[in-house]
Amino acid sequence: MKLPVILTEGEDGYIVAEIPVLPGCITQGRTKEEALERTKEAIQGYLESLRKDGLAIPDDVELAEVAV
């Protein structure tokens, strides 16, 4: 699965990563690489949360890559 990611520099110098197709799914890192790695974790957590809430997310959904 590839998802769009918006990277911006925060006021504190950290790189903020927002996944616009997943409302509220935002993370950050000290570097671009760290922000993208945390983005993968944030997306996985977001999808897990949806599943736990009983929302229909296919079981075969797996994060393999983040396109930037």
Protein backbone atom coordinates (compact mmCIF):
# COMPACT_ATOMS: atom_id res chain seq x y z
CA MET A 1 0.00 0.00 0.00
CA LYS A 2 1.30 3.45 -0.88
CA LEU A 3 -0.07 6.50 0.88
CA PRO A 4 0.72 10.16 0.32
CA VAL A 5 2.73 11.79 3.10
CA ILE A 6 3.18 15.53 3.60
CA LEU A 7 6.45 16.52 5.28
CA THR A 8 6.90 19.97 6.80
CA GLU A 9 9.37 21.44 9.24
CA GLY A 10 7.83 22.24 12.61
CA GLU A 11 8.64 25.29 14.72
CA ASP A 12 10.90 23.13 16.89
CA GLY A 13 12.95 21.96 13.87
CA TYR A 14 11.44 18.48 13.82
CA ILE A 15 10.05 17.09 10.56
CA VAL A 16 6.28 16.68 10.81
CA ALA A 17 4.70 13.91 8.71
CA GLU A 18 0.97 14.00 7.98
CA ILE A 19 -0.98 11.30 6.15
CA PRO A 20 -3.92 13.23 4.65
CA VAL A 21 -5.98 10.15 3.70
CA LEU A 22 -5.99 9.07 7.38
CA PRO A 23 -7.48 12.02 9.32
CA GLY A 24 -5.53 12.78 12.47
CA CYS A 25 -2.63 10.47 11.57
CA ILE A 26 0.38 12.70 12.22
CA THR A 27 3.86 11.98 13.57
CA GLN A 28 7.30 13.59 13.61
CA GLY A 29 11.00 12.87 13.69
CA ARG A 30 14.30 14.68 14.09
CA THR A 31 15.20 13.86 10.47
CA LYS A 32 13.26 13.06 7.32
CA GLU A 33 14.29 9.42 7.62
CA GLU A 34 13.14 9.20 11.23
CA ALA A 35 9.84 10.90 10.40
CA LEU A 36 9.19 8.42 7.57
CA GLU A 37 10.00 5.45 9.80
CA ARG A 38 7.62 6.76 12.44
CA THR A 39 5.05 7.32 9.69
CA LYS A 40 5.01 3.59 9.01
CA GLU A 41 4.44 2.91 12.70
CA ALA A 42 1.72 5.57 12.89
CA ILE A 43 -0.16 4.11 9.91
CA GLN A 44 0.04 0.60 11.32
CA GLY A 45 -1.27 1.84 14.67
CA TYR A 46 -4.05 3.80 12.97
CA LEU A 47 -5.21 0.74 11.02
CA GLU A 48 -5.03 -1.46 14.13
CA SER A 49 -7.16 1.06 16.01
CA LEU A 50 -9.79 0.99 13.27
CA ARG A 51 -9.89 -2.81 13.38
CA LYS A 52 -10.28 -2.82 17.16
CA ASP A 53 -13.17 -0.36 16.84
CA GLY A 54 -14.87 -2.82 14.50
CA LEU A 55 -14.52 -0.77 11.35
CA ALA A 56 -14.13 -2.64 8.09
CA ILE A 57 -10.44 -2.79 7.24
CA PRO A 58 -9.44 -5.78 5.08
CA ASP A 59 -7.21 -8.29 6.87
CA ASP A 60 -4.83 -8.35 3.93
CA VAL A 61 -3.96 -4.64 4.31
CA GLU A 62 -0.30 -4.31 5.06
CA LEU A 63 1.99 -1.29 4.98
CA ALA A 64 4.87 -2.09 2.68
CA GLU A 65 6.02 1.33 1.52
CA VAL A 66 5.43 5.02 2.09
CA ALA A 67 5.53 7.17 -1.02
CA VAL A 68 6.82 10.70 -0.59
